[in-house]
Amino acid sequence: MNARRRRTTTSARPSTAAVMTAGSGASAFTASGFIQIKIGDQEFTLRGTVDQYIVVSYHKPYEHAVSLGKLPDMMGQVGTALGLDGADFTTKLNAFLTGLEAIPGLAPVAKILKTGIVKVTDLGIDTKKQEYAFGFGVDCTQTLATIPIAAFGVTFTYTKPSA
């Protein structure tokens, strides 16, 4: 059976593609697209599937990531931009940083994460799983044991509590 593919662009902004595949029997429709969220004065475009559920993500390598400021100053904004309770998101990130301080050799990294300028490397929204991701890195010239590091990064996955 022959299948036809059709791609359409719906705006001059980052492309949203609708792909329709049809044969003589069943047809399938997949909607790929994007959403934009704003954190501080920066817009981030998350791409992926936008149909019954939204499953989209943003990723930039550390060297191309956008700097947003210090982590303590922006945590609530990130949570709110992802549609979460900003205060709860901040509490969970602070708990992570406190735990990091207790790991031998990582206390200096935790301090840098609290005081350094953060670069956003990953954002993700999965409404089916109710999961939201936030990844970031920070410049940090440190030595962990005998390993010299120039940057440190982490991605958090936050699962919304059931209603």
N, C-alpha and C. Protein backbone atom coordinates (compact mmCIF):
# COMPACT_ATOMS: atom_id res chain seq x y z
N MET A 1 0.84 -1.18 0.00
CA MET A 1 0.00 0.00 0.00
C MET A 1 0.88 1.24 0.00
N ASN A 2 0.48 2.22 -0.71
CA ASN A 2 1.23 3.47 -0.76
C ASN A 2 0.80 4.37 0.39
N ALA A 3 1.76 4.99 1.00
CA ALA A 3 1.48 5.94 2.08
C ALA A 3 1.86 7.32 1.60
N ARG A 4 1.10 8.32 2.01
CA ARG A 4 1.42 9.70 1.66
C ARG A 4 1.81 10.44 2.91
N ARG A 5 2.81 11.30 2.80
CA ARG A 5 3.23 12.14 3.92
C ARG A 5 3.00 13.57 3.51
N ARG A 6 2.48 14.33 4.40
CA ARG A 6 2.24 15.73 4.15
C ARG A 6 2.76 16.53 5.32
N ARG A 7 3.54 17.54 5.05
CA ARG A 7 4.10 18.39 6.10
C ARG A 7 3.64 19.81 5.84
N THR A 8 3.11 20.44 6.87
CA THR A 8 2.69 21.83 6.74
C THR A 8 3.31 22.64 7.85
N THR A 9 3.62 23.87 7.55
CA THR A 9 4.13 24.79 8.55
C THR A 9 3.04 25.81 8.82
N THR A 10 2.74 26.04 10.11
CA THR A 10 1.60 26.87 10.45
C THR A 10 1.95 28.30 10.81
N SER A 11 3.22 28.63 10.96
CA SER A 11 3.54 30.02 11.31
C SER A 11 4.99 30.32 10.94
N ALA A 12 5.32 31.59 11.03
CA ALA A 12 6.70 31.99 10.76
C ALA A 12 7.58 31.76 11.99
N ARG A 13 6.97 31.50 13.13
CA ARG A 13 7.73 31.19 14.34
C ARG A 13 8.30 29.79 14.17
N PRO A 14 8.99 29.22 15.15
CA PRO A 14 9.54 27.89 14.98
C PRO A 14 8.49 26.92 14.45
N SER A 15 8.90 26.06 13.52
CA SER A 15 7.93 25.28 12.76
C SER A 15 7.15 24.29 13.61
N THR A 16 5.88 24.16 13.26
CA THR A 16 5.00 23.15 13.81
C THR A 16 4.63 22.27 12.63
N ALA A 17 4.91 21.00 12.70
CA ALA A 17 4.66 20.13 11.58
C ALA A 17 3.55 19.15 11.92
N ALA A 18 2.60 19.01 11.01
CA ALA A 18 1.57 17.98 11.15
C ALA A 18 1.86 16.95 10.07
N VAL A 19 1.97 15.70 10.45
CA VAL A 19 2.28 14.64 9.51
C VAL A 19 1.11 13.69 9.49
N MET A 20 0.59 13.42 8.29
CA MET A 20 -0.54 12.49 8.15
C MET A 20 -0.10 11.35 7.26
N THR A 21 -0.28 10.15 7.73
CA THR A 21 0.06 8.97 6.95
C THR A 21 -1.23 8.21 6.73
N ALA A 22 -1.56 7.93 5.49
CA ALA A 22 -2.79 7.21 5.20
C ALA A 22 -2.51 6.11 4.18
N GLY A 23 -3.11 4.97 4.37
CA GLY A 23 -3.05 3.87 3.42
C GLY A 23 -4.47 3.50 3.04
N SER A 24 -4.65 2.34 2.50
CA SER A 24 -6.00 1.95 2.11
C SER A 24 -6.82 1.53 3.33
N GLY A 25 -6.17 1.23 4.43
CA GLY A 25 -6.87 0.81 5.64
C GLY A 25 -6.94 1.93 6.64
N ALA A 26 -6.23 1.78 7.73
CA ALA A 26 -6.26 2.76 8.81
C ALA A 26 -5.36 3.94 8.47
N SER A 27 -5.67 5.04 9.07
CA SER A 27 -4.81 6.21 8.93
C SER A 27 -4.30 6.58 10.31
N ALA A 28 -3.21 7.31 10.32
CA ALA A 28 -2.62 7.75 11.58
C ALA A 28 -2.32 9.24 11.46
N PHE A 29 -2.41 9.92 12.56
CA PHE A 29 -2.12 11.35 12.58
C PHE A 29 -1.22 11.62 13.77
N THR A 30 -0.09 12.24 13.52
CA THR A 30 0.83 12.61 14.59
C THR A 30 1.06 14.11 14.52
N ALA A 31 0.89 14.79 15.62
CA ALA A 31 1.11 16.23 15.65
C ALA A 31 2.41 16.50 16.38
N SER A 32 3.38 17.00 15.65
CA SER A 32 4.65 17.42 16.24
C SER A 32 4.64 18.93 16.28
N GLY A 33 5.12 19.49 17.37
CA GLY A 33 5.08 20.94 17.44
C GLY A 33 5.97 21.49 18.51
N PHE A 34 5.63 22.66 19.00
CA PHE A 34 6.45 23.33 19.98
C PHE A 34 5.57 24.17 20.90
N ILE A 35 6.12 24.48 22.04
CA ILE A 35 5.55 25.50 22.91
C ILE A 35 6.71 26.40 23.33
N GLN A 36 6.40 27.63 23.62
CA GLN A 36 7.43 28.54 24.13
C GLN A 36 7.05 28.94 25.54
N ILE A 37 8.04 28.91 26.41
CA ILE A 37 7.83 29.39 27.77
C ILE A 37 8.86 30.49 28.03
N LYS A 38 8.53 31.35 28.96
CA LYS A 38 9.42 32.46 29.28
C LYS A 38 9.89 32.31 30.73
N ILE A 39 11.19 32.40 30.91
CA ILE A 39 11.79 32.39 32.23
C ILE A 39 12.62 33.66 32.31
N GLY A 40 12.29 34.53 33.25
CA GLY A 40 12.93 35.84 33.28
C GLY A 40 12.60 36.56 32.00
N ASP A 41 13.60 37.04 31.30
CA ASP A 41 13.35 37.72 30.03
C ASP A 41 13.75 36.86 28.83
N GLN A 42 13.99 35.56 29.06
CA GLN A 42 14.39 34.64 27.98
C GLN A 42 13.24 33.73 27.58
N GLU A 43 13.06 33.52 26.27
CA GLU A 43 12.08 32.57 25.77
C GLU A 43 12.79 31.28 25.40
N PHE A 44 12.17 30.16 25.72
CA PHE A 44 12.70 28.84 25.41
C PHE A 44 11.66 28.11 24.58
N THR A 45 12.10 27.50 23.48
CA THR A 45 11.20 26.74 22.62
C THR A 45 11.41 25.26 22.90
N LEU A 46 10.34 24.60 23.33
CA LEU A 46 10.36 23.18 23.63
C LEU A 46 9.62 22.48 22.49
N ARG A 47 10.24 21.47 21.89
CA ARG A 47 9.68 20.77 20.73
C ARG A 47 9.34 19.33 21.09
N GLY A 48 8.33 18.81 20.41
CA GLY A 48 7.97 17.41 20.62
C GLY A 48 6.58 17.13 20.11
N THR A 49 5.86 16.29 20.83
CA THR A 49 4.52 15.87 20.46
C THR A 49 3.49 16.72 21.18
N VAL A 50 2.55 17.23 20.43
CA VAL A 50 1.48 18.05 21.01
C VAL A 50 0.14 17.53 20.48
N ASP A 51 -0.31 16.44 21.06
CA ASP A 51 -1.61 15.92 20.67
C ASP A 51 -2.42 15.66 21.94
N GLN A 52 -2.79 14.43 22.23
CA GLN A 52 -3.58 14.17 23.44
C GLN A 52 -2.83 14.60 24.70
N TYR A 53 -1.52 14.39 24.70
CA TYR A 53 -0.65 14.83 25.78
C TYR A 53 0.44 15.70 25.18
N ILE A 54 1.02 16.53 25.99
CA ILE A 54 2.15 17.36 25.54
C ILE A 54 3.42 16.72 26.08
N VAL A 55 4.31 16.35 25.18
CA VAL A 55 5.60 15.79 25.55
C VAL A 55 6.64 16.55 24.73
N VAL A 56 7.21 17.58 25.34
CA VAL A 56 8.13 18.47 24.64
C VAL A 56 9.39 18.67 25.47
N SER A 57 10.48 19.02 24.79
CA SER A 57 11.72 19.26 25.52
C SER A 57 12.59 20.28 24.79
N TYR A 58 13.52 20.81 25.55
CA TYR A 58 14.50 21.78 25.08
C TYR A 58 15.85 21.27 25.55
N HIS A 59 16.84 21.29 24.68
CA HIS A 59 18.18 20.92 25.09
C HIS A 59 19.19 21.76 24.32
N LYS A 60 20.16 22.28 25.04
CA LYS A 60 21.31 22.98 24.46
C LYS A 60 22.56 22.45 25.14
N PRO A 61 23.62 22.23 24.38
CA PRO A 61 24.88 21.88 25.02
C PRO A 61 25.31 23.02 25.95
N TYR A 62 26.04 22.69 26.98
CA TYR A 62 26.43 23.68 27.98
C TYR A 62 27.06 24.92 27.35
N GLU A 63 27.93 24.73 26.39
CA GLU A 63 28.63 25.87 25.79
C GLU A 63 27.70 26.80 25.01
N HIS A 64 26.51 26.33 24.66
CA HIS A 64 25.54 27.16 23.93
C HIS A 64 24.31 27.52 24.78
N ALA A 65 24.32 27.13 26.04
CA ALA A 65 23.17 27.35 26.91
C ALA A 65 23.03 28.82 27.31
N VAL A 66 21.81 29.21 27.66
CA VAL A 66 21.49 30.59 28.05
C VAL A 66 21.71 30.78 29.54
N SER A 67 22.43 31.84 29.90
CA SER A 67 22.64 32.18 31.32
C SER A 67 21.42 32.95 31.84
N LEU A 68 20.95 32.57 33.02
CA LEU A 68 19.76 33.22 33.58
C LEU A 68 19.99 33.91 34.90
N GLY A 69 21.11 33.74 35.51
CA GLY A 69 21.35 34.34 36.81
C GLY A 69 21.67 33.28 37.84
N LYS A 70 21.57 33.64 39.09
CA LYS A 70 21.90 32.71 40.17
C LYS A 70 20.72 31.79 40.45
N LEU A 71 21.01 30.54 40.74
CA LEU A 71 19.98 29.52 40.95
C LEU A 71 18.96 29.91 42.03
N PRO A 72 19.39 30.39 43.21
CA PRO A 72 18.39 30.75 44.22
C PRO A 72 17.43 31.85 43.75
N ASP A 73 17.89 32.71 42.86
CA ASP A 73 17.06 33.81 42.38
C ASP A 73 16.06 33.37 41.32
N MET A 74 16.31 32.25 40.66
CA MET A 74 15.46 31.87 39.54
C MET A 74 14.67 30.59 39.73
N MET A 75 14.89 29.85 40.83
CA MET A 75 14.22 28.56 41.01
C MET A 75 12.71 28.65 40.94
N GLY A 76 12.13 29.58 41.65
CA GLY A 76 10.67 29.72 41.64
C GLY A 76 10.14 30.09 40.26
N GLN A 77 10.89 30.94 39.53
CA GLN A 77 10.49 31.33 38.18
C GLN A 77 10.46 30.13 37.25
N VAL A 78 11.45 29.25 37.36
CA VAL A 78 11.50 28.05 36.53
C VAL A 78 10.30 27.16 36.84
N GLY A 79 10.05 26.92 38.11
CA GLY A 79 8.90 26.09 38.49
C GLY A 79 7.60 26.66 37.98
N THR A 80 7.41 27.95 38.15
CA THR A 80 6.18 28.60 37.69
C THR A 80 6.07 28.52 36.17
N ALA A 81 7.18 28.74 35.43
CA ALA A 81 7.17 28.67 33.96
C ALA A 81 6.80 27.27 33.47
N LEU A 82 7.14 26.24 34.24
CA LEU A 82 6.80 24.87 33.87
C LEU A 82 5.40 24.48 34.36
N GLY A 83 4.67 25.43 34.95
CA GLY A 83 3.32 25.15 35.40
C GLY A 83 3.26 24.46 36.76
N LEU A 84 4.30 24.62 37.54
CA LEU A 84 4.38 23.96 38.85
C LEU A 84 4.20 24.98 39.96
N ASP A 85 4.09 24.47 41.17
CA ASP A 85 4.08 25.32 42.35
C ASP A 85 5.52 25.78 42.56
N GLY A 86 5.80 27.05 42.27
CA GLY A 86 7.15 27.59 42.34
C GLY A 86 7.80 27.39 43.69
N ALA A 87 7.02 27.54 44.79
CA ALA A 87 7.57 27.39 46.14
C ALA A 87 7.97 25.94 46.40
N ASP A 88 7.15 24.97 45.97
CA ASP A 88 7.47 23.56 46.16
C ASP A 88 8.70 23.18 45.34
N PHE A 89 8.77 23.68 44.11
CA PHE A 89 9.92 23.42 43.24
C PHE A 89 11.20 23.95 43.90
N THR A 90 11.13 25.16 44.44
CA THR A 90 12.27 25.77 45.13
C THR A 90 12.68 24.93 46.34
N THR A 91 11.72 24.47 47.12
CA THR A 91 11.99 23.64 48.30
C THR A 91 12.73 22.37 47.91
N LYS A 92 12.28 21.72 46.82
CA LYS A 92 12.92 20.48 46.39
C LYS A 92 14.34 20.72 45.88
N LEU A 93 14.55 21.80 45.15
CA LEU A 93 15.90 22.11 44.69
C LEU A 93 16.83 22.44 45.86
N ASN A 94 16.32 23.18 46.83
CA ASN A 94 17.14 23.49 48.01
C ASN A 94 17.50 22.23 48.78
N ALA A 95 16.58 21.28 48.87
CA ALA A 95 16.86 20.01 49.55
C ALA A 95 17.97 19.26 48.80
N PHE A 96 17.94 19.30 47.48
CA PHE A 96 19.00 18.67 46.69
C PHE A 96 20.34 19.32 47.01
N LEU A 97 20.38 20.64 47.01
CA LEU A 97 21.65 21.35 47.27
C LEU A 97 22.17 21.05 48.67
N THR A 98 21.28 20.97 49.65
CA THR A 98 21.68 20.63 51.01
C THR A 98 22.27 19.23 51.06
N GLY A 99 21.63 18.29 50.35
CA GLY A 99 22.16 16.92 50.28
C GLY A 99 23.51 16.86 49.59
N LEU A 100 23.67 17.68 48.55
CA LEU A 100 24.94 17.73 47.82
C LEU A 100 26.07 18.21 48.72
N GLU A 101 25.76 19.16 49.59
CA GLU A 101 26.77 19.69 50.51
C GLU A 101 27.30 18.61 51.45
N ALA A 102 26.49 17.59 51.72
CA ALA A 102 26.88 16.53 52.65
C ALA A 102 27.75 15.46 52.00
N ILE A 103 27.86 15.46 50.67
CA ILE A 103 28.67 14.45 49.98
C ILE A 103 30.13 14.90 49.99
N PRO A 104 31.02 14.04 50.52
CA PRO A 104 32.43 14.43 50.58
C PRO A 104 32.95 14.89 49.22
N GLY A 105 33.59 16.03 49.21
CA GLY A 105 34.17 16.58 48.01
C GLY A 105 33.23 17.44 47.17
N LEU A 106 31.92 17.38 47.42
CA LEU A 106 30.97 18.15 46.61
C LEU A 106 30.45 19.41 47.29
N ALA A 107 30.81 19.62 48.55
CA ALA A 107 30.36 20.84 49.24
C ALA A 107 30.77 22.11 48.48
N PRO A 108 32.01 22.19 47.95
CA PRO A 108 32.36 23.39 47.18
C PRO A 108 31.51 23.55 45.92
N VAL A 109 31.14 22.44 45.29
CA VAL A 109 30.29 22.49 44.09
C VAL A 109 28.91 23.01 44.48
N ALA A 110 28.37 22.53 45.60
CA ALA A 110 27.06 23.00 46.06
C ALA A 110 27.09 24.50 46.29
N LYS A 111 28.17 24.99 46.88
CA LYS A 111 28.29 26.43 47.12
C LYS A 111 28.32 27.20 45.80
N ILE A 112 29.05 26.66 44.83
CA ILE A 112 29.11 27.32 43.52
C ILE A 112 27.74 27.30 42.85
N LEU A 113 26.99 26.19 43.00
CA LEU A 113 25.65 26.12 42.42
C LEU A 113 24.73 27.19 43.03
N LYS A 114 24.95 27.49 44.30
CA LYS A 114 24.12 28.50 44.96
C LYS A 114 24.53 29.93 44.61
N THR A 115 25.80 30.12 44.21
CA THR A 115 26.29 31.48 44.00
C THR A 115 26.68 31.80 42.56
N GLY A 116 26.87 30.76 41.74
CA GLY A 116 27.31 30.98 40.37
C GLY A 116 26.17 31.31 39.42
N ILE A 117 26.51 31.75 38.23
CA ILE A 117 25.53 32.05 37.19
C ILE A 117 25.16 30.74 36.48
N VAL A 118 23.89 30.43 36.49
CA VAL A 118 23.37 29.17 35.95
C VAL A 118 23.07 29.30 34.47
N LYS A 119 23.40 28.24 33.71
CA LYS A 119 23.04 28.14 32.30
C LYS A 119 22.00 27.03 32.16
N VAL A 120 20.87 27.36 31.54
CA VAL A 120 19.80 26.38 31.35
C VAL A 120 20.15 25.48 30.16
N THR A 121 20.27 24.17 30.41
CA THR A 121 20.62 23.22 29.36
C THR A 121 19.43 22.35 28.95
N ASP A 122 18.50 22.10 29.87
CA ASP A 122 17.38 21.21 29.57
C ASP A 122 16.10 21.70 30.22
N LEU A 123 15.01 21.59 29.49
CA LEU A 123 13.67 21.79 30.02
C LEU A 123 12.80 20.71 29.40
N GLY A 124 11.86 20.20 30.15
CA GLY A 124 10.98 19.17 29.61
C GLY A 124 9.63 19.18 30.27
N ILE A 125 8.61 18.88 29.49
CA ILE A 125 7.25 18.78 29.99
C ILE A 125 6.65 17.51 29.41
N ASP A 126 6.13 16.64 30.27
CA ASP A 126 5.43 15.42 29.84
C ASP A 126 4.13 15.36 30.63
N THR A 127 3.03 15.82 30.00
CA THR A 127 1.76 15.88 30.73
C THR A 127 1.16 14.50 30.95
N LYS A 128 1.54 13.52 30.16
CA LYS A 128 1.02 12.16 30.37
C LYS A 128 1.56 11.60 31.69
N LYS A 129 2.86 11.76 31.91
CA LYS A 129 3.50 11.26 33.14
C LYS A 129 3.46 12.28 34.27
N GLN A 130 3.02 13.51 33.96
CA GLN A 130 3.05 14.62 34.92
C GLN A 130 4.47 14.86 35.41
N GLU A 131 5.43 14.79 34.48
CA GLU A 131 6.84 15.02 34.81
C GLU A 131 7.34 16.29 34.12
N TYR A 132 8.20 16.99 34.84
CA TYR A 132 8.74 18.26 34.39
C TYR A 132 10.23 18.25 34.69
N ALA A 133 11.05 18.59 33.70
CA ALA A 133 12.50 18.51 33.87
C ALA A 133 13.13 19.88 33.76
N PHE A 134 14.18 20.08 34.53
CA PHE A 134 14.96 21.31 34.51
C PHE A 134 16.42 20.92 34.66
N GLY A 135 17.22 21.23 33.65
CA GLY A 135 18.64 20.92 33.70
C GLY A 135 19.45 22.19 33.58
N PHE A 136 20.54 22.24 34.31
CA PHE A 136 21.37 23.44 34.28
C PHE A 136 22.81 23.07 34.57
N GLY A 137 23.69 23.99 34.25
CA GLY A 137 25.09 23.84 34.56
C GLY A 137 25.64 25.17 35.05
N VAL A 138 26.79 25.11 35.66
CA VAL A 138 27.44 26.32 36.16
C VAL A 138 28.95 26.15 36.00
N ASP A 139 29.61 27.24 35.61
CA ASP A 139 31.07 27.22 35.54
C ASP A 139 31.60 26.97 36.94
N CYS A 140 32.58 26.11 37.04
CA CYS A 140 33.09 25.81 38.38
C CYS A 140 34.47 25.21 38.25
N THR A 141 35.47 25.97 38.54
CA THR A 141 36.84 25.47 38.50
C THR A 141 37.14 24.86 39.87
N GLN A 142 37.04 23.54 39.92
CA GLN A 142 37.24 22.81 41.17
C GLN A 142 37.99 21.53 40.89
N THR A 143 38.49 20.94 41.93
CA THR A 143 39.08 19.61 41.83
C THR A 143 38.31 18.71 42.78
N LEU A 144 37.75 17.65 42.23
CA LEU A 144 37.06 16.65 43.05
C LEU A 144 37.99 15.46 43.15
N ALA A 145 38.44 15.20 44.35
CA ALA A 145 39.49 14.20 44.57
C ALA A 145 40.67 14.64 43.70
N THR A 146 41.00 13.89 42.67
CA THR A 146 42.09 14.30 41.77
C THR A 146 41.56 14.67 40.40
N ILE A 147 40.25 14.83 40.26
CA ILE A 147 39.64 15.10 38.95
C ILE A 147 39.37 16.59 38.81
N PRO A 148 40.06 17.27 37.91
CA PRO A 148 39.75 18.69 37.69
C PRO A 148 38.47 18.82 36.86
N ILE A 149 37.58 19.70 37.28
CA ILE A 149 36.35 19.93 36.51
C ILE A 149 36.24 21.42 36.19
N ALA A 150 35.63 21.72 35.06
CA ALA A 150 35.46 23.10 34.62
C ALA A 150 34.01 23.54 34.73
N ALA A 151 33.09 22.58 34.76
CA ALA A 151 31.66 22.90 34.89
C ALA A 151 30.97 21.73 35.56
N PHE A 152 29.84 22.02 36.15
CA PHE A 152 29.04 20.99 36.83
C PHE A 152 27.60 21.19 36.42
N GLY A 153 26.91 20.11 36.07
CA GLY A 153 25.52 20.23 35.67
C GLY A 153 24.68 19.10 36.21
N VAL A 154 23.38 19.33 36.24
CA VAL A 154 22.44 18.33 36.74
C VAL A 154 21.08 18.60 36.09
N THR A 155 20.31 17.54 35.90
CA THR A 155 18.93 17.68 35.41
C THR A 155 18.00 17.08 36.47
N PHE A 156 17.01 17.86 36.88
CA PHE A 156 16.02 17.40 37.84
C PHE A 156 14.76 16.97 37.09
N THR A 157 14.14 15.92 37.56
CA THR A 157 12.81 15.56 37.06
C THR A 157 11.87 15.67 38.24
N TYR A 158 10.85 16.48 38.08
CA TYR A 158 9.87 16.77 39.13
C TYR A 158 8.56 16.13 38.70
N THR A 159 7.98 15.29 39.53
CA THR A 159 6.69 14.67 39.23
C THR A 159 5.64 15.36 40.07
N LYS A 160 4.60 15.85 39.40
CA LYS A 160 3.52 16.54 40.12
C LYS A 160 2.77 15.54 40.99
N PRO A 161 2.41 15.94 42.20
CA PRO A 161 1.61 15.06 43.03
C PRO A 161 0.22 14.84 42.41
N SER A 162 -0.35 13.67 42.63
CA SER A 162 -1.69 13.39 42.11
C SER A 162 -2.70 14.29 42.79
N ALA A 163 -3.68 14.72 42.00
CA ALA A 163 -4.70 15.62 42.56
C ALA A 163 -5.69 14.88 43.41
